[in-house]
Amino acid sequence: MKQPDRLQTWIEQGNVHISQLFFQFYKELKISDEEAMLLMHVHTFQQAGNDFPTPDEIGARMMCSQKSVTTMLQKLMQQGFIAIKQDESEEVLTESISLQPLWNRLIDCVQVDEVEEEKEKEKAPSHKDMEGQIFQLFEQEFGRFLSPMEIETISMWMDQDGHTPAVIKMALKEAVISQKMSLRYVDRILFEWKKKNIKTSSEVTKHAATFREKNIQIQPSADNTAKKVKFYNWLEDRN
């Protein structure tokens, strides 16, 4: 049995609260609030055994005229949300309003929503994954494995001091730029940032740029010409 057919069976048996699913996604389907209420009334009539409620019957439950109900039903049919189903049994032709097209569209919305969620999960690493990457990043920059004490220090930055992996990564970058590869130097950078209430990556970028502009050193380049090098010694900052 196909998924939409299973959903329809569950709905008919009263095992699925379709209103939750419908009200979650009807806006994405560009169904108006009034049209959504009409569809729910049709669904309610059918659950009570009336498979083909008339516009008069529906209008009697809504604050709109029979003409408005007829217009909305026609629009919903044109947009592919409902259909008129004909059944012939014992030479008697009966008609009913089928909400199966609507259920199919809802299933499509759910599937698209799940795909988008999976893409977002794949795109953005979790906080826990980023924490694990921090240790690997320090080992790459230091060119060696971290000692148990160093691992504990980095963990304390995150668990006790509340620094995010992104901010710790930027502190390590500052140490690399300054050519002072030690955990003590990174710790001093984080201490200064915390003292100045700097918590986000954007705040770090703005703060570091400001201090580098004030601390430009002149170093000779390969062709013996003077070259400006942006540098800031975080260990000497006592402001």
C-alpha atoms as a PDB file:
ATOM      1  CA  MET A   1       0.000   0.000   0.000  1.00  0.00           C
ATOM      2  CA  LYS A   2       1.370   3.415  -0.990  1.00  0.00           C
ATOM      3  CA  GLN A   3       2.115   5.988   1.718  1.00  0.00           C
ATOM      4  CA  PRO A   4      -0.738   8.414   0.800  1.00  0.00           C
ATOM      5  CA  ASP A   5      -3.194   5.471   0.752  1.00  0.00           C
ATOM      6  CA  ARG A   6      -1.991   4.341   4.179  1.00  0.00           C
ATOM      7  CA  LEU A   7      -2.439   7.875   5.489  1.00  0.00           C
ATOM      8  CA  GLN A   8      -5.982   7.979   4.133  1.00  0.00           C
ATOM      9  CA  THR A   9      -6.772   4.640   5.804  1.00  0.00           C
ATOM     10  CA  TRP A  10      -5.413   5.868   9.136  1.00  0.00           C
ATOM     11  CA  ILE A  11      -7.456   9.058   8.839  1.00  0.00           C
ATOM     12  CA  GLU A  12     -10.653   7.143   8.101  1.00  0.00           C
ATOM     13  CA  GLN A  13      -9.998   4.888  11.076  1.00  0.00           C
ATOM     14  CA  GLY A  14      -9.513   7.911  13.330  1.00  0.00           C
ATOM     15  CA  ASN A  15      -5.886   7.064  14.127  1.00  0.00           C
ATOM     16  CA  VAL A  16      -4.328  10.249  12.729  1.00  0.00           C
ATOM     17  CA  HIS A  17      -5.084  13.794  13.899  1.00  0.00           C
ATOM     18  CA  ILE A  18      -4.872  15.309  10.448  1.00  0.00           C
ATOM     19  CA  SER A  19      -5.644  18.774  11.820  1.00  0.00           C
ATOM     20  CA  GLN A  20      -2.145  18.978  13.352  1.00  0.00           C
ATOM     21  CA  LEU A  21      -0.485  18.141  10.064  1.00  0.00           C
ATOM     22  CA  PHE A  22      -2.842  20.327   8.072  1.00  0.00           C
ATOM     23  CA  PHE A  23      -2.534  23.406  10.274  1.00  0.00           C
ATOM     24  CA  GLN A  24       1.249  23.059  10.227  1.00  0.00           C
ATOM     25  CA  PHE A  25       1.526  23.204   6.450  1.00  0.00           C
ATOM     26  CA  TYR A  26      -1.598  24.771   4.928  1.00  0.00           C
ATOM     27  CA  LYS A  27       0.073  28.197   4.813  1.00  0.00           C
ATOM     28  CA  GLU A  28       2.893  26.721   2.701  1.00  0.00           C
ATOM     29  CA  LEU A  29       0.227  25.423   0.310  1.00  0.00           C
ATOM     30  CA  LYS A  30      -1.126  29.005   0.051  1.00  0.00           C
ATOM     31  CA  ILE A  31      -4.521  28.004   1.417  1.00  0.00           C
ATOM     32  CA  SER A  32      -6.283  30.904   3.112  1.00  0.00           C
ATOM     33  CA  ASP A  33      -7.596  30.698   6.672  1.00  0.00           C
ATOM     34  CA  GLU A  34     -11.193  30.655   5.460  1.00  0.00           C
ATOM     35  CA  GLU A  35     -10.440  27.919   2.910  1.00  0.00           C
ATOM     36  CA  ALA A  36      -8.647  25.916   5.601  1.00  0.00           C
ATOM     37  CA  MET A  37     -11.722  26.089   7.835  1.00  0.00           C
ATOM     38  CA  LEU A  38     -13.917  24.982   4.939  1.00  0.00           C
ATOM     39  CA  LEU A  39     -11.703  21.951   4.304  1.00  0.00           C
ATOM     40  CA  MET A  40     -11.830  20.994   7.970  1.00  0.00           C
ATOM     41  CA  HIS A  41     -15.647  21.210   7.882  1.00  0.00           C
ATOM     42  CA  VAL A  42     -15.725  18.929   4.842  1.00  0.00           C
ATOM     43  CA  HIS A  43     -13.471  16.497   6.672  1.00  0.00           C
ATOM     44  CA  THR A  44     -15.714  16.645   9.754  1.00  0.00           C
ATOM     45  CA  PHE A  45     -18.851  15.998   7.678  1.00  0.00           C
ATOM     46  CA  GLN A  46     -17.191  12.965   6.097  1.00  0.00           C
ATOM     47  CA  GLN A  47     -16.134  11.565   9.457  1.00  0.00           C
ATOM     48  CA  ALA A  48     -19.802  11.802  10.453  1.00  0.00           C
ATOM     49  CA  GLY A  49     -20.835   9.813   7.355  1.00  0.00           C
ATOM     50  CA  ASN A  50     -21.721  12.654   4.950  1.00  0.00           C
ATOM     51  CA  ASP A  51     -19.315  12.219   2.053  1.00  0.00           C
ATOM     52  CA  PHE A  52     -20.778  14.996  -0.085  1.00  0.00           C
ATOM     53  CA  PRO A  53     -21.868  17.938   2.080  1.00  0.00           C
ATOM     54  CA  THR A  54     -23.608  20.677   0.105  1.00  0.00           C
ATOM     55  CA  PRO A  55     -22.499  24.321   0.103  1.00  0.00           C
ATOM     56  CA  ASP A  56     -25.651  25.085   2.146  1.00  0.00           C
ATOM     57  CA  GLU A  57     -24.689  22.545   4.807  1.00  0.00           C
ATOM     58  CA  ILE A  58     -21.129  23.824   4.980  1.00  0.00           C
ATOM     59  CA  GLY A  59     -22.216  27.471   4.955  1.00  0.00           C
ATOM     60  CA  ALA A  60     -24.555  26.817   7.875  1.00  0.00           C
ATOM     61  CA  ARG A  61     -21.491  26.053   9.995  1.00  0.00           C
ATOM     62  CA  MET A  62     -19.457  28.996   8.750  1.00  0.00           C
ATOM     63  CA  MET A  63     -19.894  32.745   8.788  1.00  0.00           C
ATOM     64  CA  CYS A  64     -20.148  32.952   4.999  1.00  0.00           C
ATOM     65  CA  SER A  65     -22.832  32.555   2.376  1.00  0.00           C
ATOM     66  CA  GLN A  66     -23.636  29.530   0.246  1.00  0.00           C
ATOM     67  CA  LYS A  67     -22.257  31.448  -2.746  1.00  0.00           C
ATOM     68  CA  SER A  68     -18.913  32.052  -0.989  1.00  0.00           C
ATOM     69  CA  VAL A  69     -18.663  28.359  -0.088  1.00  0.00           C
ATOM     70  CA  THR A  70     -19.359  27.387  -3.692  1.00  0.00           C
ATOM     71  CA  THR A  71     -16.683  29.795  -4.932  1.00  0.00           C
ATOM     72  CA  MET A  72     -14.103  28.439  -2.472  1.00  0.00           C
ATOM     73  CA  LEU A  73     -14.915  24.823  -3.367  1.00  0.00           C
ATOM     74  CA  GLN A  74     -14.454  25.593  -7.049  1.00  0.00           C
ATOM     75  CA  LYS A  75     -11.136  27.333  -6.365  1.00  0.00           C
ATOM     76  CA  LEU A  76      -9.852  24.466  -4.217  1.00  0.00           C
ATOM     77  CA  MET A  77     -10.821  22.031  -6.940  1.00  0.00           C
ATOM     78  CA  GLN A  78      -9.036  24.088  -9.615  1.00  0.00           C
ATOM     79  CA  GLN A  79      -5.911  24.247  -7.443  1.00  0.00           C
ATOM     80  CA  GLY A  80      -5.918  20.484  -7.022  1.00  0.00           C
ATOM     81  CA  PHE A  81      -6.711  20.272  -3.311  1.00  0.00           C
ATOM     82  CA  ILE A  82     -10.044  18.440  -3.667  1.00  0.00           C
ATOM     83  CA  ALA A  83     -11.759  16.357  -6.338  1.00  0.00           C
ATOM     84  CA  ILE A  84     -15.232  14.995  -7.034  1.00  0.00           C
ATOM     85  CA  LYS A  85     -15.202  11.229  -6.819  1.00  0.00           C
ATOM     86  CA  GLN A  86     -17.898   9.125  -8.478  1.00  0.00           C
ATOM     87  CA  ASP A  87     -18.813   5.627  -7.281  1.00  0.00           C
ATOM     88  CA  GLU A  88     -21.228   3.294  -9.009  1.00  0.00           C
ATOM     89  CA  SER A  89     -22.637   0.455  -6.960  1.00  0.00           C
ATOM     90  CA  GLU A  90     -25.826  -1.522  -7.709  1.00  0.00           C
ATOM     91  CA  GLU A  91     -26.465   0.771 -10.684  1.00  0.00           C
ATOM     92  CA  VAL A  92     -26.600   3.794  -8.368  1.00  0.00           C
ATOM     93  CA  LEU A  93     -24.162   6.628  -9.085  1.00  0.00           C
ATOM     94  CA  THR A  94     -22.987   8.463  -5.992  1.00  0.00           C
ATOM     95  CA  GLU A  95     -20.628  11.391  -5.698  1.00  0.00           C
ATOM     96  CA  SER A  96     -18.338  12.429  -2.875  1.00  0.00           C
ATOM     97  CA  ILE A  97     -15.758  15.105  -2.202  1.00  0.00           C
ATOM     98  CA  SER A  98     -12.314  13.515  -2.150  1.00  0.00           C
ATOM     99  CA  LEU A  99      -9.682  15.089   0.083  1.00  0.00           C
ATOM    100  CA  GLN A 100      -7.052  12.639  -1.147  1.00  0.00           C
ATOM    101  CA  PRO A 101      -5.334  15.325  -3.307  1.00  0.00           C
ATOM    102  CA  LEU A 102      -4.950  17.458  -0.175  1.00  0.00           C
ATOM    103  CA  TRP A 103      -3.449  14.557   1.801  1.00  0.00           C
ATOM    104  CA  ASN A 104      -1.004  13.935  -1.060  1.00  0.00           C
ATOM    105  CA  ARG A 105       0.089  17.572  -1.045  1.00  0.00           C
ATOM    106  CA  LEU A 106       0.563  17.449   2.735  1.00  0.00           C
ATOM    107  CA  ILE A 107       2.753  14.353   2.388  1.00  0.00           C
ATOM    108  CA  ASP A 108       4.855  16.231  -0.168  1.00  0.00           C
ATOM    109  CA  CYS A 109       5.258  19.135   2.267  1.00  0.00           C
ATOM    110  CA  VAL A 110       6.338  16.808   5.070  1.00  0.00           C
ATOM    111  CA  GLN A 111       8.881  15.076   2.857  1.00  0.00           C
ATOM    112  CA  VAL A 112      10.307  18.386   1.603  1.00  0.00           C
ATOM    113  CA  ASP A 113      10.487  19.669   5.175  1.00  0.00           C
ATOM    114  CA  GLU A 114      12.365  16.543   6.297  1.00  0.00           C
ATOM    115  CA  VAL A 115      14.805  16.836   3.384  1.00  0.00           C
ATOM    116  CA  GLU A 116      15.492  20.479   4.249  1.00  0.00           C
ATOM    117  CA  GLU A 117      16.121  19.550   7.883  1.00  0.00           C
ATOM    118  CA  GLU A 118      18.588  16.857   6.833  1.00  0.00           C
ATOM    119  CA  LYS A 119      20.391  19.319   4.577  1.00  0.00           C
ATOM    120  CA  GLU A 120      20.679  21.811   7.425  1.00  0.00           C
ATOM    121  CA  LYS A 121      22.050  19.123   9.724  1.00  0.00           C
ATOM    122  CA  GLU A 122      24.635  18.126   7.124  1.00  0.00           C
ATOM    123  CA  LYS A 123      25.528  21.736   6.415  1.00  0.00           C
ATOM    124  CA  ALA A 124      25.996  22.874   9.991  1.00  0.00           C
ATOM    125  CA  PRO A 125      28.104  20.701  12.313  1.00  0.00           C
ATOM    126  CA  SER A 126      26.698  20.187  15.784  1.00  0.00           C
ATOM    127  CA  HIS A 127      28.178  21.924  18.809  1.00  0.00           C
ATOM    128  CA  LYS A 128      29.571  18.603  19.997  1.00  0.00           C
ATOM    129  CA  ASP A 129      31.265  17.973  16.636  1.00  0.00           C
ATOM    130  CA  MET A 130      32.835  21.444  16.767  1.00  0.00           C
ATOM    131  CA  GLU A 131      34.194  20.730  20.253  1.00  0.00           C
ATOM    132  CA  GLY A 132      35.895  17.601  18.958  1.00  0.00           C
ATOM    133  CA  GLN A 133      37.358  19.534  16.041  1.00  0.00           C
ATOM    134  CA  ILE A 134      38.936  22.061  18.403  1.00  0.00           C
ATOM    135  CA  PHE A 135      41.250  19.420  19.916  1.00  0.00           C
ATOM    136  CA  GLN A 136      42.278  18.241  16.445  1.00  0.00           C
ATOM    137  CA  LEU A 137      42.927  21.828  15.379  1.00  0.00           C
ATOM    138  CA  PHE A 138      45.274  22.465  18.318  1.00  0.00           C
ATOM    139  CA  GLU A 139      47.186  19.266  17.580  1.00  0.00           C
ATOM    140  CA  GLN A 140      47.563  20.283  13.929  1.00  0.00           C
ATOM    141  CA  GLU A 141      48.882  23.740  14.813  1.00  0.00           C
ATOM    142  CA  PHE A 142      51.156  22.489  17.592  1.00  0.00           C
ATOM    143  CA  GLY A 143      52.416  19.628  15.427  1.00  0.00           C
ATOM    144  CA  ARG A 144      52.003  17.083  18.232  1.00  0.00           C
ATOM    145  CA  PHE A 145      49.462  15.294  20.385  1.00  0.00           C
ATOM    146  CA  LEU A 146      47.985  17.251  23.278  1.00  0.00           C
ATOM    147  CA  SER A 147      48.875  16.220  26.798  1.00  0.00           C
ATOM    148  CA  PRO A 148      46.086  15.240  29.231  1.00  0.00           C
ATOM    149  CA  MET A 149      46.628  18.548  31.045  1.00  0.00           C
ATOM    150  CA  GLU A 150      46.249  20.517  27.812  1.00  0.00           C
ATOM    151  CA  ILE A 151      43.079  18.626  26.915  1.00  0.00           C
ATOM    152  CA  GLU A 152      41.671  19.426  30.346  1.00  0.00           C
ATOM    153  CA  THR A 153      42.550  23.111  29.932  1.00  0.00           C
ATOM    154  CA  ILE A 154      40.773  23.349  26.570  1.00  0.00           C
ATOM    155  CA  SER A 155      37.755  21.537  28.020  1.00  0.00           C
ATOM    156  CA  MET A 156      37.636  24.049  30.879  1.00  0.00           C
ATOM    157  CA  TRP A 157      37.568  26.911  28.387  1.00  0.00           C
ATOM    158  CA  MET A 158      34.332  25.500  27.005  1.00  0.00           C
ATOM    159  CA  ASP A 159      32.703  23.952  30.081  1.00  0.00           C
ATOM    160  CA  GLN A 160      33.644  26.417  32.833  1.00  0.00           C
ATOM    161  CA  ASP A 161      34.554  29.667  31.089  1.00  0.00           C
ATOM    162  CA  GLY A 162      31.738  29.357  28.538  1.00  0.00           C
ATOM    163  CA  HIS A 163      33.832  30.056  25.423  1.00  0.00           C
ATOM    164  CA  THR A 164      32.355  28.666  22.219  1.00  0.00           C
ATOM    165  CA  PRO A 165      34.430  26.468  19.887  1.00  0.00           C
ATOM    166  CA  ALA A 166      34.301  29.250  17.282  1.00  0.00           C
ATOM    167  CA  VAL A 167      35.798  31.820  19.689  1.00  0.00           C
ATOM    168  CA  ILE A 168      38.495  29.385  20.861  1.00  0.00           C
ATOM    169  CA  LYS A 169      39.381  28.728  17.235  1.00  0.00           C
ATOM    170  CA  MET A 170      39.802  32.471  16.673  1.00  0.00           C
ATOM    171  CA  ALA A 171      42.014  32.740  19.770  1.00  0.00           C
ATOM    172  CA  LEU A 172      44.216  29.989  18.366  1.00  0.00           C
ATOM    173  CA  LYS A 173      44.365  31.901  15.089  1.00  0.00           C
ATOM    174  CA  GLU A 174      45.602  34.972  16.968  1.00  0.00           C
ATOM    175  CA  ALA A 175      48.342  32.864  18.545  1.00  0.00           C
ATOM    176  CA  VAL A 176      49.382  31.534  15.125  1.00  0.00           C
ATOM    177  CA  ILE A 177      49.491  35.059  13.673  1.00  0.00           C
ATOM    178  CA  SER A 178      51.589  36.229  16.617  1.00  0.00           C
ATOM    179  CA  GLN A 179      53.839  33.145  16.295  1.00  0.00           C
ATOM    180  CA  LYS A 180      53.380  32.370  19.986  1.00  0.00           C
ATOM    181  CA  MET A 181      52.241  28.769  19.929  1.00  0.00           C
ATOM    182  CA  SER A 182      51.441  27.980  23.529  1.00  0.00           C
ATOM    183  CA  LEU A 183      48.305  27.185  25.455  1.00  0.00           C
ATOM    184  CA  ARG A 184      49.230  29.911  27.942  1.00  0.00           C
ATOM    185  CA  TYR A 185      49.129  32.518  25.192  1.00  0.00           C
ATOM    186  CA  VAL A 186      45.737  31.297  23.922  1.00  0.00           C
ATOM    187  CA  ASP A 187      44.475  31.267  27.499  1.00  0.00           C
ATOM    188  CA  ARG A 188      45.566  34.903  27.931  1.00  0.00           C
ATOM    189  CA  ILE A 189      43.713  35.902  24.768  1.00  0.00           C
ATOM    190  CA  LEU A 190      40.529  34.236  25.969  1.00  0.00           C
ATOM    191  CA  PHE A 191      40.955  35.863  29.384  1.00  0.00           C
ATOM    192  CA  GLU A 192      41.207  39.322  27.800  1.00  0.00           C
ATOM    193  CA  TRP A 193      38.154  38.706  25.628  1.00  0.00           C
ATOM    194  CA  LYS A 194      36.099  37.483  28.559  1.00  0.00           C
ATOM    195  CA  LYS A 195      37.186  40.495  30.629  1.00  0.00           C
ATOM    196  CA  LYS A 196      35.923  42.769  27.846  1.00  0.00           C
ATOM    197  CA  ASN A 197      32.691  40.714  27.591  1.00  0.00           C
ATOM    198  CA  ILE A 198      33.536  39.585  24.063  1.00  0.00           C
ATOM    199  CA  LYS A 199      31.521  36.429  23.370  1.00  0.00           C
ATOM    200  CA  THR A 200      30.784  36.095  19.659  1.00  0.00           C
ATOM    201  CA  SER A 201      32.897  35.638  16.535  1.00  0.00           C
ATOM    202  CA  SER A 202      31.787  38.993  15.135  1.00  0.00           C
ATOM    203  CA  GLU A 203      32.784  40.767  18.355  1.00  0.00           C
ATOM    204  CA  VAL A 204      36.176  39.034  18.284  1.00  0.00           C
ATOM    205  CA  THR A 205      36.777  40.082  14.672  1.00  0.00           C
ATOM    206  CA  LYS A 206      35.935  43.718  15.409  1.00  0.00           C
ATOM    207  CA  HIS A 207      38.034  43.813  18.581  1.00  0.00           C
ATOM    208  CA  ALA A 208      41.095  42.123  17.066  1.00  0.00           C
ATOM    209  CA  ALA A 209      41.038  44.377  14.004  1.00  0.00           C
ATOM    210  CA  THR A 210      40.918  47.485  16.186  1.00  0.00           C
ATOM    211  CA  PHE A 211      43.952  46.456  18.222  1.00  0.00           C
ATOM    212  CA  ARG A 212      45.971  45.382  15.195  1.00  0.00           C
ATOM    213  CA  GLU A 213      45.520  48.765  13.571  1.00  0.00           C
ATOM    214  CA  LYS A 214      47.081  50.298  16.681  1.00  0.00           C
ATOM    215  CA  ASN A 215      49.973  47.830  16.756  1.00  0.00           C
ATOM    216  CA  ILE A 216      51.551  47.674  13.317  1.00  0.00           C
ATOM    217  CA  GLN A 217      55.209  46.618  13.245  1.00  0.00           C
ATOM    218  CA  ILE A 218      57.600  47.214  10.386  1.00  0.00           C
ATOM    219  CA  GLN A 219      59.413  44.078   9.216  1.00  0.00           C
ATOM    220  CA  PRO A 220      61.669  43.604   6.157  1.00  0.00           C
ATOM    221  CA  SER A 221      60.205  41.516   3.365  1.00  0.00           C
ATOM    222  CA  ALA A 222      62.037  39.116   1.064  1.00  0.00           C
ATOM    223  CA  ASP A 223      63.097  41.933  -1.301  1.00  0.00           C
ATOM    224  CA  ASN A 224      64.542  43.963   1.629  1.00  0.00           C
ATOM    225  CA  THR A 225      61.772  46.542   1.451  1.00  0.00           C
ATOM    226  CA  ALA A 226      59.867  47.628   4.505  1.00  0.00           C
ATOM    227  CA  LYS A 227      56.636  45.779   5.058  1.00  0.00           C
ATOM    228  CA  LYS A 228      53.877  46.563   7.524  1.00  0.00           C
ATOM    229  CA  VAL A 229      52.830  43.560   9.587  1.00  0.00           C
ATOM    230  CA  LYS A 230      49.723  43.674  11.736  1.00  0.00           C
ATOM    231  CA  PHE A 231      50.588  42.284  15.163  1.00  0.00           C
ATOM    232  CA  TYR A 232      49.224  42.455  18.666  1.00  0.00           C
ATOM    233  CA  ASN A 233      50.803  40.942  21.752  1.00  0.00           C
ATOM    234  CA  TRP A 234      47.868  39.822  23.865  1.00  0.00           C
ATOM    235  CA  LEU A 235      50.105  38.931  26.829  1.00  0.00           C
ATOM    236  CA  GLU A 236      51.115  42.563  27.212  1.00  0.00           C
ATOM    237  CA  ASP A 237      47.578  43.927  27.213  1.00  0.00           C
ATOM    238  CA  ARG A 238      46.701  45.163  30.654  1.00  0.00           C
ATOM    239  CA  ASN A 239      44.040  47.734  29.807  1.00  0.00           C
END
